[in-house]
Amino acid sequence: MKIAILSQDSSLYSTRRLKEAGEQLGHEMRVVDYLRCYMNITAHKPTVVYQGKPLEDCDAIIPRIGASQTFYGTAVVRQFEVMGVFS
């Protein structure tokens, strides 16, 4: 599976361990800074864009949303759910 970890800081211990554990199980893991994502909500096909490219190939996401960024972080999670991505 292709799994994205939504986290502001890829150097956090918990984020690194999640990534390592997923890779040990054979998953393709990626850390995505959800604050650098933007969402296209007006298109016929909803998308999340990260670093100028749509994130369309994710099978699942693991949200690691900080308390100070809950509103935007949950909006990104909801957008992935609308796209049919497991969370």
Protein backbone atom coordinates (compact mmCIF):
# COMPACT_ATOMS: atom_id res chain seq x y z
CA MET A 1 0.00 0.00 0.00
CA LYS A 2 1.00 3.62 -0.50
CA ILE A 3 0.53 5.40 2.82
CA ALA A 4 1.04 9.10 3.57
CA ILE A 5 1.72 10.30 7.11
CA LEU A 6 0.30 13.80 7.54
CA SER A 7 2.77 15.49 9.88
CA GLN A 8 4.36 18.94 10.13
CA ASP A 9 7.74 17.56 11.18
CA SER A 10 9.22 14.42 9.63
CA SER A 11 11.99 14.39 12.25
CA LEU A 12 9.63 13.70 15.17
CA TYR A 13 10.28 10.32 16.78
CA SER A 14 6.67 9.14 16.44
CA THR A 15 6.55 10.09 12.76
CA ARG A 16 9.88 8.39 12.03
CA ARG A 17 8.78 5.21 13.83
CA LEU A 18 5.48 5.07 11.94
CA LYS A 19 7.37 5.43 8.67
CA GLU A 20 9.92 2.76 9.62
CA ALA A 21 7.25 0.32 10.81
CA GLY A 22 5.24 0.73 7.62
CA GLU A 23 8.32 0.20 5.46
CA GLN A 24 9.22 -2.94 7.43
CA LEU A 25 5.77 -4.29 6.59
CA GLY A 26 6.37 -3.63 2.89
CA HIS A 27 4.33 -0.44 2.50
CA GLU A 28 5.49 2.59 0.54
CA MET A 29 5.54 5.33 3.19
CA ARG A 30 5.71 9.08 2.68
CA VAL A 31 5.64 12.00 5.12
CA VAL A 32 3.53 14.92 3.90
CA ASP A 33 3.46 18.32 5.62
CA TYR A 34 -0.29 18.97 5.60
CA LEU A 35 0.25 22.73 6.02
CA ARG A 36 1.93 22.76 2.60
CA CYS A 37 -1.05 21.07 0.96
CA TYR A 38 -3.86 22.86 -0.75
CA MET A 39 -7.19 21.46 -1.81
CA ASN A 40 -9.17 21.81 -5.01
CA ILE A 41 -12.77 21.62 -3.86
CA THR A 42 -14.42 23.10 -6.94
CA ALA A 43 -13.41 20.46 -9.48
CA HIS A 44 -15.48 17.47 -10.47
CA LYS A 45 -12.68 15.35 -9.08
CA PRO A 46 -11.54 16.55 -5.63
CA THR A 47 -7.77 16.67 -5.18
CA VAL A 48 -5.09 17.49 -2.64
CA VAL A 49 -1.99 19.15 -4.10
CA TYR A 50 1.42 18.91 -2.43
CA GLN A 51 4.60 20.47 -3.82
CA GLY A 52 2.72 21.39 -6.99
CA LYS A 53 1.58 17.83 -7.74
CA PRO A 54 -1.73 16.11 -6.97
CA LEU A 55 -1.58 13.41 -4.29
CA GLU A 56 -3.71 10.89 -6.15
CA ASP A 57 -1.84 7.67 -5.53
CA CYS A 58 -2.36 7.31 -1.76
CA ASP A 59 -4.23 4.25 -0.51
CA ALA A 60 -4.36 5.47 3.10
CA ILE A 61 -3.29 8.34 5.33
CA ILE A 62 -2.18 8.48 8.94
CA PRO A 63 -3.07 11.90 10.38
CA ARG A 64 -0.61 13.36 12.92
CA ILE A 65 -2.30 16.73 13.33
CA GLY A 66 -0.93 19.17 15.89
CA ALA A 67 -3.38 20.78 18.32
CA SER A 68 -2.62 24.28 17.07
CA GLN A 69 -3.45 23.32 13.46
CA THR A 70 -6.53 21.18 14.05
CA PHE A 71 -8.93 23.14 11.83
CA TYR A 72 -6.82 23.05 8.66
CA GLY A 73 -5.46 19.58 9.38
CA THR A 74 -8.91 18.06 9.68
CA ALA A 75 -9.98 19.82 6.48
CA VAL A 76 -7.11 18.09 4.65
CA VAL A 77 -8.11 14.73 6.20
CA ARG A 78 -11.74 15.27 5.11
CA GLN A 79 -10.60 16.05 1.57
CA PHE A 80 -8.68 12.76 1.42
CA GLU A 81 -11.77 10.94 2.72
CA VAL A 82 -13.90 12.53 -0.04
CA MET A 83 -11.31 11.20 -2.50
CA GLY A 84 -11.88 7.67 -1.14
CA VAL A 85 -8.60 7.42 0.78
CA PHE A 86 -8.71 5.48 4.06
CA SER A 87 -7.79 7.39 7.22
